[in-house]
């Protein structure tokens, strides 16, 4: 399932990689595309939206409620 998250606090490439790594720890099969310029993270994963949002949040980034 493709899901899009609005993520705040991503300011550099390291941030994008940190978000992707957090999601892949939850779901190693996930496909993640982070775009810090638009504050968007697209995730292709079978994991529940809430679990993915929590993984991003646990990494220290804000996730807007959609």
C-alpha atoms as a PDB file:
ATOM      1  CA  UNK A   1       0.000   0.000   0.000  1.00  0.00           C
ATOM      2  CA  UNK A   2       1.375   3.429  -0.966  1.00  0.00           C
ATOM      3  CA  UNK A   3       1.200   6.025   1.796  1.00  0.00           C
ATOM      4  CA  UNK A   4       2.361   9.639   1.914  1.00  0.00           C
ATOM      5  CA  UNK A   5       3.424  11.402   5.101  1.00  0.00           C
ATOM      6  CA  UNK A   6       4.074  15.086   5.721  1.00  0.00           C
ATOM      7  CA  UNK A   7       7.233  15.098   7.842  1.00  0.00           C
ATOM      8  CA  UNK A   8       8.726  18.159   9.511  1.00  0.00           C
ATOM      9  CA  UNK A   9      12.306  18.564  10.623  1.00  0.00           C
ATOM     10  CA  UNK A  10      14.048  17.003   7.619  1.00  0.00           C
ATOM     11  CA  UNK A  11      16.698  19.550   6.678  1.00  0.00           C
ATOM     12  CA  UNK A  12      19.386  17.529   4.889  1.00  0.00           C
ATOM     13  CA  UNK A  13      20.189  14.292   3.114  1.00  0.00           C
ATOM     14  CA  UNK A  14      21.167  12.713   6.431  1.00  0.00           C
ATOM     15  CA  UNK A  15      17.652  13.408   7.716  1.00  0.00           C
ATOM     16  CA  UNK A  16      16.113  11.744   4.667  1.00  0.00           C
ATOM     17  CA  UNK A  17      18.309   8.684   5.214  1.00  0.00           C
ATOM     18  CA  UNK A  18      17.445   8.570   8.921  1.00  0.00           C
ATOM     19  CA  UNK A  19      13.717   8.537   8.130  1.00  0.00           C
ATOM     20  CA  UNK A  20      14.182   5.843   5.475  1.00  0.00           C
ATOM     21  CA  UNK A  21      16.289   3.748   7.867  1.00  0.00           C
ATOM     22  CA  UNK A  22      13.652   4.010  10.621  1.00  0.00           C
ATOM     23  CA  UNK A  23      10.947   2.793   8.253  1.00  0.00           C
ATOM     24  CA  UNK A  24      13.112  -0.033   6.918  1.00  0.00           C
ATOM     25  CA  UNK A  25      13.799  -1.217  10.470  1.00  0.00           C
ATOM     26  CA  UNK A  26      10.047  -1.667  10.825  1.00  0.00           C
ATOM     27  CA  UNK A  27       9.594  -3.132   7.330  1.00  0.00           C
ATOM     28  CA  UNK A  28      12.788  -4.207   5.522  1.00  0.00           C
ATOM     29  CA  UNK A  29      10.791  -4.654   2.295  1.00  0.00           C
ATOM     30  CA  UNK A  30       9.463  -1.085   2.304  1.00  0.00           C
ATOM     31  CA  UNK A  31      10.243   1.293  -0.528  1.00  0.00           C
ATOM     32  CA  UNK A  32      10.862   4.803   0.784  1.00  0.00           C
ATOM     33  CA  UNK A  33      11.208   8.100  -1.084  1.00  0.00           C
ATOM     34  CA  UNK A  34      11.898  11.147   1.058  1.00  0.00           C
ATOM     35  CA  UNK A  35      11.814  14.708  -0.286  1.00  0.00           C
ATOM     36  CA  UNK A  36      12.934  17.222   2.328  1.00  0.00           C
ATOM     37  CA  UNK A  37      12.198  20.197   0.068  1.00  0.00           C
ATOM     38  CA  UNK A  38       8.493  19.317   0.104  1.00  0.00           C
ATOM     39  CA  UNK A  39       8.464  17.704   3.585  1.00  0.00           C
ATOM     40  CA  UNK A  40       7.069  14.520   2.037  1.00  0.00           C
ATOM     41  CA  UNK A  41       7.865  10.866   2.572  1.00  0.00           C
ATOM     42  CA  UNK A  42       6.278   8.269   0.309  1.00  0.00           C
ATOM     43  CA  UNK A  43       6.242   4.710   1.597  1.00  0.00           C
ATOM     44  CA  UNK A  44       5.240   1.511  -0.154  1.00  0.00           C
ATOM     45  CA  UNK A  45       4.625  -0.919   2.715  1.00  0.00           C
ATOM     46  CA  UNK A  46       2.088  -3.352   4.087  1.00  0.00           C
ATOM     47  CA  UNK A  47       2.606  -1.958   7.606  1.00  0.00           C
ATOM     48  CA  UNK A  48      -0.212   0.062   9.197  1.00  0.00           C
ATOM     49  CA  UNK A  49      -0.016   3.836   8.738  1.00  0.00           C
ATOM     50  CA  UNK A  50       0.142   4.419  12.492  1.00  0.00           C
ATOM     51  CA  UNK A  51       3.155   2.106  12.874  1.00  0.00           C
ATOM     52  CA  UNK A  52       5.033   3.862  10.069  1.00  0.00           C
ATOM     53  CA  UNK A  53       4.215   7.296  11.506  1.00  0.00           C
ATOM     54  CA  UNK A  54       5.431   6.139  14.927  1.00  0.00           C
ATOM     55  CA  UNK A  55       8.728   4.909  13.449  1.00  0.00           C
ATOM     56  CA  UNK A  56       9.287   8.342  11.867  1.00  0.00           C
ATOM     57  CA  UNK A  57       8.302  10.108  15.079  1.00  0.00           C
ATOM     58  CA  UNK A  58      10.577   7.882  17.177  1.00  0.00           C
ATOM     59  CA  UNK A  59      13.470   9.007  14.959  1.00  0.00           C
ATOM     60  CA  UNK A  60      12.766  12.566  16.091  1.00  0.00           C
ATOM     61  CA  UNK A  61      10.771  14.008  13.195  1.00  0.00           C
ATOM     62  CA  UNK A  62       7.287  15.471  13.258  1.00  0.00           C
ATOM     63  CA  UNK A  63       4.527  13.704  11.362  1.00  0.00           C
ATOM     64  CA  UNK A  64       1.460  15.753  10.459  1.00  0.00           C
ATOM     65  CA  UNK A  65      -1.920  14.149  11.009  1.00  0.00           C
ATOM     66  CA  UNK A  66      -3.517  13.622   7.599  1.00  0.00           C
END
